[in-house]
Each structure stands twice: as C-alpha cells, then as structure tokens.
Protein backbone atom coordinates (compact mmCIF):
# COMPACT_ATOMS: atom_id res chain seq x y z
CA MET A 1 -18.60 3.60 33.36
CA LYS A 2 -14.80 3.55 33.09
CA THR A 3 -13.26 6.85 32.02
CA PHE A 4 -10.00 7.38 30.13
CA ASP A 5 -8.18 10.31 28.58
CA VAL A 6 -8.22 8.43 25.28
CA VAL A 7 -9.80 5.33 23.82
CA VAL A 8 -8.09 3.91 20.71
CA ILE A 9 -10.17 1.55 18.59
CA GLY A 10 -8.04 -0.77 16.49
CA ALA A 11 -4.87 -2.51 17.64
CA GLY A 12 -3.01 -2.58 14.35
CA ALA A 13 0.19 -0.68 13.59
CA ALA A 14 -1.24 2.84 13.97
CA GLY A 15 -3.42 2.03 16.97
CA LEU A 16 -0.75 0.18 18.96
CA PHE A 17 1.82 2.89 18.36
CA CYS A 18 -0.58 5.74 19.12
CA ALA A 19 -1.82 4.15 22.36
CA GLY A 20 1.70 3.40 23.59
CA THR A 21 2.89 6.91 22.79
CA ALA A 22 -0.14 8.51 24.45
CA GLY A 23 0.33 6.42 27.56
CA GLN A 24 3.98 7.39 27.86
CA LEU A 25 2.93 11.04 27.53
CA GLY A 26 0.91 10.63 30.71
CA LYS A 27 -2.52 9.98 29.21
CA SER A 28 -4.71 7.22 30.59
CA ALA A 29 -5.28 5.10 27.50
CA LEU A 30 -7.53 2.20 26.58
CA LEU A 31 -6.87 0.17 23.44
CA ILE A 32 -9.65 -2.09 22.19
CA ASP A 33 -9.89 -4.49 19.27
CA HIS A 34 -12.32 -7.10 17.98
CA ALA A 35 -9.58 -9.62 17.16
CA GLU A 36 -8.27 -12.50 19.21
CA HIS A 37 -4.70 -11.79 18.08
CA LEU A 38 -3.38 -8.23 17.91
CA GLY A 39 -1.28 -6.77 15.09
CA GLU A 40 -2.24 -9.52 12.65
CA LYS A 41 -1.55 -7.44 9.54
CA ILE A 42 1.92 -6.66 10.88
CA ARG A 43 2.52 -10.36 11.42
CA ILE A 44 1.62 -11.40 7.87
CA SER A 45 3.25 -8.46 6.07
CA GLY A 46 6.43 -8.91 4.07
CA GLY A 47 6.22 -12.68 4.13
CA GLY A 48 6.20 -12.64 7.92
CA ARG A 49 9.14 -10.25 8.27
CA CYS A 50 7.27 -6.96 7.82
CA ASN A 51 8.63 -4.16 5.65
CA PHE A 52 8.21 -1.75 8.56
CA THR A 53 9.49 1.47 6.95
CA ASN A 54 11.56 2.91 4.13
CA LEU A 55 14.76 4.94 4.41
CA HIS A 56 13.60 7.31 1.68
CA THR A 57 9.99 8.03 2.71
CA THR A 58 8.78 11.50 1.72
CA HIS A 59 5.37 12.98 0.95
CA GLN A 60 6.01 12.09 -2.70
CA HIS A 61 5.53 8.41 -1.87
CA PHE A 62 1.84 8.85 -1.03
CA LEU A 63 -1.43 9.18 -2.92
CA SER A 64 -4.07 11.50 -1.51
CA LEU A 65 -6.52 14.00 -2.93
CA ASN A 66 -4.50 16.44 -0.82
CA PRO A 67 -0.89 15.47 -1.60
CA HIS A 68 0.42 17.88 1.04
CA PHE A 69 -1.60 16.35 3.89
CA VAL A 70 1.09 13.88 4.99
CA LYS A 71 3.91 16.43 5.26
CA SER A 72 3.31 17.54 8.84
CA ALA A 73 3.07 14.07 10.39
CA LEU A 74 6.07 12.76 8.42
CA ALA A 75 8.14 15.75 9.56
CA ARG A 76 7.22 15.19 13.20
CA TYR A 77 8.01 11.48 13.13
CA SER A 78 10.25 10.19 10.33
CA SER A 79 11.52 6.78 9.33
CA LYS A 80 14.75 7.58 11.18
CA ASP A 81 12.77 8.01 14.38
CA PHE A 82 11.10 4.63 14.05
CA ILE A 83 14.38 2.96 13.09
CA ALA A 84 15.87 4.36 16.30
CA LEU A 85 13.07 2.71 18.29
CA VAL A 86 13.61 -0.62 16.54
CA GLU A 87 17.34 -0.40 17.28
CA LYS A 88 16.61 0.48 20.90
CA TYR A 89 14.83 -2.86 21.25
CA GLY A 90 17.69 -4.69 19.58
CA ILE A 91 15.55 -6.01 16.73
CA PRO A 92 17.83 -7.03 13.84
CA PHE A 93 16.79 -5.78 10.40
CA HIS A 94 18.14 -5.33 6.89
CA GLU A 95 17.63 -3.23 3.78
CA LYS A 96 16.24 -5.36 0.99
CA HIS A 97 15.58 -3.06 -1.98
CA GLN A 98 15.39 0.69 -2.54
CA GLY A 99 15.39 1.58 1.15
CA GLN A 100 12.92 -1.11 2.24
CA LEU A 101 13.65 -2.32 5.77
CA PHE A 102 12.62 -5.79 6.94
CA CYS A 103 13.03 -7.68 10.20
CA ASP A 104 15.78 -10.27 9.99
CA GLU A 105 13.82 -12.84 11.95
CA SER A 106 10.11 -12.22 12.43
CA ALA A 107 7.46 -9.50 12.33
CA LYS A 108 6.41 -10.81 15.74
CA ASP A 109 9.43 -8.91 17.12
CA LEU A 110 7.75 -5.66 16.06
CA ILE A 111 4.44 -6.65 17.62
CA GLU A 112 6.19 -7.45 20.89
CA MET A 113 7.96 -4.09 20.71
CA LEU A 114 4.69 -2.22 20.25
CA LEU A 115 3.05 -4.14 23.08
CA SER A 116 6.04 -3.32 25.29
CA GLU A 117 5.60 0.36 24.42
CA CYS A 118 1.97 0.07 25.49
CA GLN A 119 3.02 -1.62 28.71
CA LYS A 120 5.44 1.22 29.44
CA GLY A 121 2.57 3.65 28.98
CA GLU A 122 0.32 1.54 31.24
CA VAL A 123 -2.16 1.18 28.39
CA GLN A 124 -5.16 -0.97 29.22
CA ILE A 125 -5.81 -3.40 26.37
CA GLU A 126 -9.17 -5.12 25.93
CA HIS A 127 -9.76 -7.78 23.25
CA PRO A 128 -11.63 -9.47 21.70
CA ILE A 129 -14.31 -6.88 22.23
CA LYS A 130 -16.88 -5.51 19.79
CA VAL A 131 -17.85 -1.85 19.52
CA GLU A 132 -21.63 -1.63 19.10
CA GLU A 133 -22.22 2.12 19.24
CA ILE A 134 -20.37 5.41 19.61
CA THR A 135 -22.06 8.53 20.93
CA ASN A 136 -20.96 11.99 21.99
CA LYS A 137 -22.44 13.58 25.08
CA ASP A 138 -21.41 17.00 26.31
CA GLY A 139 -18.06 16.79 24.54
CA ASN A 140 -17.23 13.32 25.85
CA TRP A 141 -17.17 10.16 23.79
CA GLU A 142 -19.05 7.08 24.93
CA ILE A 143 -17.96 3.78 23.42
CA HIS A 144 -20.59 1.09 23.91
CA THR A 145 -19.26 -2.43 23.48
CA ASN A 146 -20.64 -5.93 23.88
CA GLN A 147 -19.00 -6.02 27.32
CA GLU A 148 -19.21 -2.55 28.86
CA THR A 149 -19.29 1.16 28.08
CA PHE A 150 -16.24 3.42 28.19
CA ASN A 151 -15.99 7.19 28.38
CA ALA A 152 -13.19 9.39 27.04
CA LYS A 153 -12.43 12.95 26.06
CA ASN A 154 -10.49 11.67 23.05
CA LEU A 155 -11.48 8.90 20.65
CA VAL A 156 -9.01 7.58 18.06
CA ILE A 157 -10.22 5.45 15.16
CA ALA A 158 -7.38 3.25 13.89
CA THR A 159 -9.25 0.30 12.41
CA GLY A 160 -7.50 0.25 9.02
CA GLY A 161 -9.14 -0.43 5.69
CA LEU A 162 -10.75 -3.22 3.72
CA PRO A 163 -7.82 -5.38 2.49
CA VAL A 164 -7.45 -8.95 3.78
CA PRO A 165 -11.00 -9.63 5.02
CA ALA A 166 -9.76 -12.95 6.41
CA ILE A 167 -8.12 -11.14 9.33
CA GLY A 168 -11.22 -9.10 10.11
CA ALA A 169 -10.72 -6.03 7.95
CA SER A 170 -13.83 -3.85 7.73
CA ASP A 171 -15.18 -0.41 6.83
CA PHE A 172 -15.75 0.45 10.50
CA ALA A 173 -13.77 3.71 10.36
CA MET A 174 -15.68 4.94 7.33
CA GLN A 175 -19.00 4.06 8.97
CA ILE A 176 -18.05 6.15 12.01
CA ALA A 177 -16.97 9.03 9.79
CA LYS A 178 -20.30 8.96 7.96
CA GLN A 179 -22.18 8.71 11.26
CA PHE A 180 -20.69 12.04 12.26
CA GLU A 181 -21.32 13.56 8.81
CA MET A 182 -17.73 13.47 7.61
CA GLU A 183 -16.93 12.97 3.93
CA VAL A 184 -15.45 9.67 2.77
CA ILE A 185 -13.59 9.05 -0.49
CA GLU A 186 -15.00 5.89 -2.05
CA PRO A 187 -12.45 3.14 -1.32
CA ARG A 188 -10.98 0.64 -3.74
CA PRO A 189 -8.19 -1.96 -3.60
CA ALA A 190 -4.64 -0.70 -4.10
CA LEU A 191 -1.26 -2.38 -4.45
CA VAL A 192 -3.19 -5.24 -5.99
CA PRO A 193 -2.68 -7.56 -9.00
CA LEU A 194 -4.62 -6.80 -12.18
CA ALA A 195 -6.84 -9.29 -13.97
CA PHE A 196 -7.66 -9.66 -17.67
CA THR A 197 -10.66 -11.15 -19.47
CA SER A 198 -8.98 -11.46 -22.87
CA GLN A 199 -5.89 -13.55 -23.46
CA ILE A 200 -2.94 -11.17 -23.36
CA PHE A 201 -0.72 -14.09 -24.34
CA SER A 202 -1.55 -17.13 -26.46
CA ALA A 203 -1.72 -19.42 -23.42
CA ILE A 204 -1.17 -17.39 -20.27
CA GLU A 205 -0.73 -20.49 -18.09
CA ASP A 206 2.49 -21.19 -20.02
CA PHE A 207 3.93 -17.92 -18.76
CA ALA A 208 2.72 -18.03 -15.13
CA GLY A 209 5.62 -17.36 -12.78
CA LEU A 210 7.70 -15.55 -15.39
CA SER A 211 9.16 -12.25 -14.13
CA THR A 212 11.05 -9.46 -15.88
CA LYS A 213 11.86 -5.81 -15.21
CA VAL A 214 9.73 -3.28 -17.08
CA SER A 215 8.68 0.35 -17.02
CA ILE A 216 4.95 0.76 -16.41
CA SER A 217 2.56 3.66 -16.15
CA ALA A 218 -1.13 4.12 -15.37
CA GLY A 219 -3.62 6.85 -14.56
CA GLU A 220 -3.96 10.42 -15.74
CA SER A 221 -2.25 13.54 -14.45
CA LYS A 222 -5.55 15.40 -14.08
CA LYS A 223 -7.69 12.63 -12.57
CA ARG A 224 -8.08 11.58 -8.96
CA TYR A 225 -4.59 10.63 -7.79
CA GLY A 226 -2.65 11.56 -10.92
CA LYS A 227 -0.35 9.38 -12.99
CA GLY A 228 2.19 6.88 -11.72
CA SER A 229 5.23 5.52 -13.55
CA PHE A 230 7.50 2.83 -12.16
CA ALA A 231 10.50 0.74 -13.18
CA GLU A 232 10.11 -2.54 -11.32
CA ASP A 233 9.64 -6.27 -11.87
CA LEU A 234 6.48 -7.49 -13.58
CA LEU A 235 5.19 -10.99 -12.78
CA ILE A 236 2.88 -12.93 -15.07
CA THR A 237 0.33 -15.08 -13.23
CA HIS A 238 -2.40 -17.45 -14.42
CA LYS A 239 -4.93 -14.65 -13.76
CA GLY A 240 -3.09 -11.67 -15.21
CA LEU A 241 -0.23 -9.44 -14.11
CA SER A 242 1.35 -8.86 -10.72
CA GLY A 243 4.77 -8.08 -9.26
CA PRO A 244 5.99 -4.76 -7.80
CA ALA A 245 5.56 -2.83 -11.07
CA VAL A 246 1.91 -3.79 -11.46
CA LEU A 247 1.09 -3.40 -7.77
CA GLN A 248 2.46 0.14 -7.88
CA ALA A 249 0.59 1.00 -11.07
CA SER A 250 -2.68 -0.45 -9.73
CA SER A 251 -2.98 2.42 -7.25
CA TYR A 252 -3.11 4.87 -10.15
CA TRP A 253 -5.05 2.75 -12.62
CA ILE A 254 -8.50 4.08 -13.57
CA GLU A 255 -11.19 1.54 -14.41
CA GLY A 256 -11.74 1.22 -18.15
CA GLN A 257 -8.33 2.58 -19.09
CA GLU A 258 -5.21 0.84 -20.32
CA ILE A 259 -1.89 0.39 -18.60
CA HIS A 260 1.27 1.11 -20.58
CA VAL A 261 4.27 -1.21 -20.42
CA THR A 262 7.75 -0.74 -21.87
CA TRP A 263 9.31 -4.19 -21.91
CA THR A 264 12.74 -2.76 -22.68
CA ASP A 265 14.37 0.56 -23.49
CA GLN A 266 13.61 1.68 -27.03
CA THR A 267 17.04 3.17 -27.72
CA ALA A 268 18.82 0.01 -26.60
CA LEU A 269 16.50 -2.11 -28.75
CA GLU A 270 16.99 0.05 -31.83
CA ASP A 271 20.76 0.01 -31.34
CA LEU A 272 20.69 -3.79 -31.25
CA PHE A 273 18.62 -3.93 -34.42
CA GLU A 274 21.18 -1.74 -36.26
CA LEU A 275 24.16 -3.97 -35.48
CA GLU A 276 25.66 -5.84 -38.43
CA THR A 277 25.76 -8.98 -36.29
CA SER A 278 21.97 -8.82 -35.87
CA ARG A 279 21.15 -9.17 -39.59
CA MET A 280 21.22 -12.99 -39.71
CA LYS A 281 19.64 -13.53 -36.30
CA THR A 282 15.94 -14.20 -35.80
CA LEU A 283 13.74 -11.76 -33.89
CA ASP A 284 13.43 -14.36 -31.12
CA GLN A 285 17.21 -14.42 -30.76
CA LEU A 286 17.44 -10.64 -30.69
CA LEU A 287 14.69 -10.16 -28.12
CA ILE A 288 16.34 -12.67 -25.79
CA GLU A 289 18.94 -9.97 -25.18
CA PHE A 290 16.27 -8.13 -23.19
CA LEU A 291 13.47 -10.59 -22.41
CA PRO A 292 13.07 -14.13 -21.06
CA ALA A 293 13.20 -16.66 -23.91
CA ARG A 294 9.55 -17.72 -23.61
CA LEU A 295 8.39 -14.12 -23.77
CA ALA A 296 10.66 -13.30 -26.70
CA LYS A 297 9.21 -16.24 -28.64
CA GLU A 298 5.64 -15.22 -27.75
CA PHE A 299 6.07 -11.66 -29.02
CA ALA A 300 7.73 -12.88 -32.22
CA LYS A 301 4.73 -15.16 -32.80
CA GLN A 302 2.25 -12.35 -32.13
CA LEU A 303 4.03 -10.29 -34.78
CA GLY A 304 4.09 -13.16 -37.25
CA LEU A 305 7.90 -13.06 -37.24
CA HIS A 306 8.79 -16.20 -35.28
CA GLY A 307 11.91 -17.80 -36.80
CA LYS A 308 12.31 -15.05 -39.36
CA LYS A 309 15.77 -13.51 -39.82
CA TRP A 310 16.02 -9.81 -39.07
CA VAL A 311 17.43 -9.03 -42.52
CA GLU A 312 14.16 -10.39 -43.99
CA VAL A 313 11.91 -8.19 -41.86
CA SER A 314 10.30 -5.23 -43.64
CA LYS A 315 10.59 -1.64 -42.42
CA LYS A 316 6.92 -1.62 -41.43
CA SER A 317 7.26 -4.87 -39.50
CA ARG A 318 10.34 -3.51 -37.73
CA GLN A 319 8.27 -0.54 -36.53
CA ASN A 320 5.60 -2.97 -35.34
CA VAL A 321 8.25 -4.67 -33.21
CA ILE A 322 9.21 -1.35 -31.62
CA ASP A 323 5.57 -0.47 -30.99
CA LEU A 324 4.80 -3.80 -29.33
CA ILE A 325 7.90 -4.10 -27.17
CA CYS A 326 8.26 -0.45 -26.18
CA HIS A 327 4.64 0.77 -26.23
CA TRP A 328 2.62 -2.26 -25.10
CA GLN A 329 -0.88 -1.35 -23.97
CA VAL A 330 -3.47 -3.57 -22.33
CA LYS A 331 -6.79 -2.90 -20.63
CA PRO A 332 -7.28 -4.74 -17.31
CA ALA A 333 -10.68 -6.24 -16.59
CA GLY A 334 -10.28 -5.20 -12.98
CA THR A 335 -8.27 -5.95 -9.87
CA LEU A 336 -8.11 -9.22 -7.96
CA GLY A 337 -10.02 -7.54 -5.14
CA TRP A 338 -9.66 -6.99 -1.42
CA ASN A 339 -8.34 -10.48 -0.71
CA LYS A 340 -5.22 -9.75 -2.76
CA ALA A 341 -4.88 -6.02 -2.02
CA GLU A 342 -2.15 -4.85 0.32
CA VAL A 343 -3.76 -1.50 1.14
CA MET A 344 -6.86 0.61 0.55
CA LEU A 345 -7.12 3.64 -1.68
CA GLY A 346 -9.54 6.28 -0.42
CA GLY A 347 -11.05 6.53 3.06
CA VAL A 348 -11.83 9.44 5.36
CA ASP A 349 -11.45 12.63 3.35
CA THR A 350 -8.38 14.60 4.45
CA LYS A 351 -10.42 17.79 4.16
CA GLU A 352 -12.23 16.63 7.29
CA LEU A 353 -9.02 16.37 9.33
CA ASP A 354 -6.36 18.73 10.65
CA SER A 355 -3.08 17.58 9.06
CA LYS A 356 -1.04 18.44 12.16
CA THR A 357 -3.24 16.62 14.66
CA LEU A 358 -5.37 14.14 12.63
CA MET A 359 -8.38 15.45 14.56
CA SER A 360 -11.76 16.01 12.98
CA ARG A 361 -12.40 19.64 12.11
CA LYS A 362 -16.06 19.19 13.04
CA HIS A 363 -15.77 17.09 16.19
CA PRO A 364 -13.15 17.99 18.82
CA GLY A 365 -11.51 14.92 20.31
CA LEU A 366 -12.29 12.61 17.37
CA PHE A 367 -9.20 11.40 15.48
CA PHE A 368 -8.63 9.14 12.46
CA ILE A 369 -5.18 7.66 11.82
CA GLY A 370 -3.45 5.10 9.62
CA GLU A 371 -4.92 3.38 6.61
CA CYS A 372 -8.54 4.48 7.15
CA VAL A 373 -7.55 8.01 6.04
CA ASP A 374 -7.32 8.94 2.34
CA VAL A 375 -3.56 8.44 2.37
CA THR A 376 -2.05 5.50 0.50
CA GLY A 377 1.66 4.83 0.26
CA HIS A 378 3.70 3.31 -2.52
CA LEU A 379 4.95 -0.23 -2.12
CA GLY A 380 7.99 -0.58 0.10
CA GLY A 381 7.24 0.24 3.75
CA HIS A 382 5.72 3.69 3.24
CA ASN A 383 2.28 2.65 4.48
CA PHE A 384 3.70 1.41 7.77
CA GLN A 385 5.60 4.69 8.12
CA TRP A 386 2.30 6.54 7.71
CA ALA A 387 0.90 4.41 10.55
CA TRP A 388 3.78 5.38 12.84
CA SER A 389 3.79 9.06 11.82
CA SER A 390 0.03 9.58 12.03
CA GLY A 391 -0.14 7.70 15.34
CA TYR A 392 2.63 9.84 16.79
CA ALA A 393 1.11 13.12 15.60
CA CYS A 394 -2.26 12.12 17.03
CA ALA A 395 -0.86 11.02 20.41
CA HIS A 396 0.89 14.36 20.81
CA SER A 397 -2.29 16.29 19.97
CA LEU A 398 -4.82 14.74 22.34
CA LEU A 399 -7.02 17.14 24.26
C-alpha cells in the first residue's frame, strides 16, 4: 500500500491548486481523478477563456447558510494573490466586466499552470482512476480504487458539484460526507436559466435572442440564502429567460415564487410620459426610448394600447403601463437543470467544517474544498476564487 501525507480526490480547480500547494509545502501528495482529461470544467468555462477570478471578490459575493464562513479563506488567499501567480507564468488576461478577469488566449493556459505547480510540488497524479471505497483505520485514511489502495493521514475531497454531467460531475463528495455522518444541504442548480410553462410573451420564439438591461430580484430575506437583487442583462430564449441578470437571480429564487423585473427605471419613465413632446406619440414609440422595439410593441399589445397615442390613454391605463414595465412579476416553472447550471447551490454543510482549515470537525484529516461545500459565488469569477482560496487554506492546514 502506497502512503502519502495527503491524497486529493478531484483534479478540478480546487483539487489541482490544493495538491500543488501542499506539495510545495513539503507534503507528499497524490492527486487522483476519474477523468481522462484533467481540469475539464476550467477548460470549458467562460467560452474557453475561463473567468478565473474577480478583482472585487469579498464574502458578500457568496451564498451560504453561514455567510461568514468564506471570510477566513478569502483573507488568507485573495484574488490579488492568484493574479500574481497568473502573472508569474506570463499568462495574458483582461478585465471584461465589473472586475471579471479572463484569459486572453485559452483556459488551457491555466490548466498548464496548475499542472506545473503540481510538478513543482512533485505531486503524483493518477488518472483515470475510480475510487471504490474510503475507510478510516487508526486515524489514517485508506482510499480503495479500481487499481490499488492508497493510505494517507490527510484526505481532501475536491470533486465539485452536480453541474455539467457530461464532463463527469457527480455527488461523490456529498456521498462521502453522508458516509461519515456529516450534514449535507440539499443541492440544486444555481446560475442557471429559468423556464416557464405559460407564455410570458405572445410568441416567445419571436423574442428569442433579444437582450436588454434590467433590474431583477428573487428570494426572501428570511429564507435560506436571503434575497438577491441585480442590475444586469436579461436574455430571452425559446425556453424562458437567461442572461447574467437571470442567472444571478436563479441562485436566490425559491420554487413556487415569482421573480420581479424592472424593465426600466420608473422615475425616468414617468418623466418621459410627462413631456409635452410625448403627447402625440404612441406608447410603442415612447417605450422604444428604454426597450428594444419588439419588446416595446409586445408590452403595448399586452396592455391593449398598441398604436394608441399617449394623449388618448386614460389615467388608469397609464398606471397599468407603470405597473407592467416597472413591476413585472412572473413565476418560473423551474430551472433548466444541471446541464445548463454553472454551479451548485448547497453541498456539505459549513457547520461540519472549520472555516480556517476546511477540515471536518468530526473527522481529523478529512477536508472538503471548492464547489462541494455549501458556498456558492455570484456570477463573475467568484466561484473560481473560492476554489483557489479554499484549496490554499486546506493545503496550509494539513496534519
């Protein structure tokens, strides 16, 4: 039986970074994964360029039943620290939007960087290899695989969550947590498009591909992960709503409840309606000031005011316009599921883990890092930063 200081299961962002860091700290490390190609989620993220961190990441960019849990790891290893590593390897990158950093060329550059970090730490990497059983004997972890059995004082679970089943995503981490009687928060898709059973527009296929900036909110302040409000682009698809605004809101959305959309600022809309020059214009023409033409026409039709001049619109109908455009509410039928989700909400309960070390409070030497923990970032590179931060904190806390 081969013995290591640490065995890391899962060679995604968190696992690769943790193993490389541990190895460079002098630990003998083994990294194992079931996949033929390592770091696949890194490779496909951000359209192949990977939004690897965000300049503005703070604990406020994460959802967790314990919102303070991420603070320690983020303080120990920040986005600036990871940016410094990327710059050290000469990987060109750029800021795209609101602090989001992407590779200029390819996400493969990041994977090569992480593999180089593992090589520097003399990490032994075994893949594809399947873990069949994990046991603990006399304080040591035994990892039984379809090839051989490994022994280690430290075991790190970094197998991610359920999104993108096509690349081998699974609930492995949660199964291990339950095996060792650790609580798991029921997972569900997050950063995912929302679907609708009823027609939210007269013929939704006519609006597929249309995008506009909105303000959107979902959730409740006293339930689960609270309430989220975002000002981002909304994209209409043939199945429902997507785009950054909807993806963000989906993490807060509670099944059976409505999402709230403000298509444009109410004050600006009311000011436009009061202008003398607006009197002889139709509602369609007025709404075009704020909305794409097709959408403006659709809303005017829904209100029964298509082609009608504003001077002819009654006071009650004018209020209906304000209510529809500035207080639009719609109840999603659900999400588009794990295939379309970018991350997982829920996972190993943070109450089971030490926030400084990511180690199980019940089982010394057992660690959970990355997406499998009940920590979910907002859109924009925050989830990758959690992978780096949690991996770093874990590597520096091994027994």
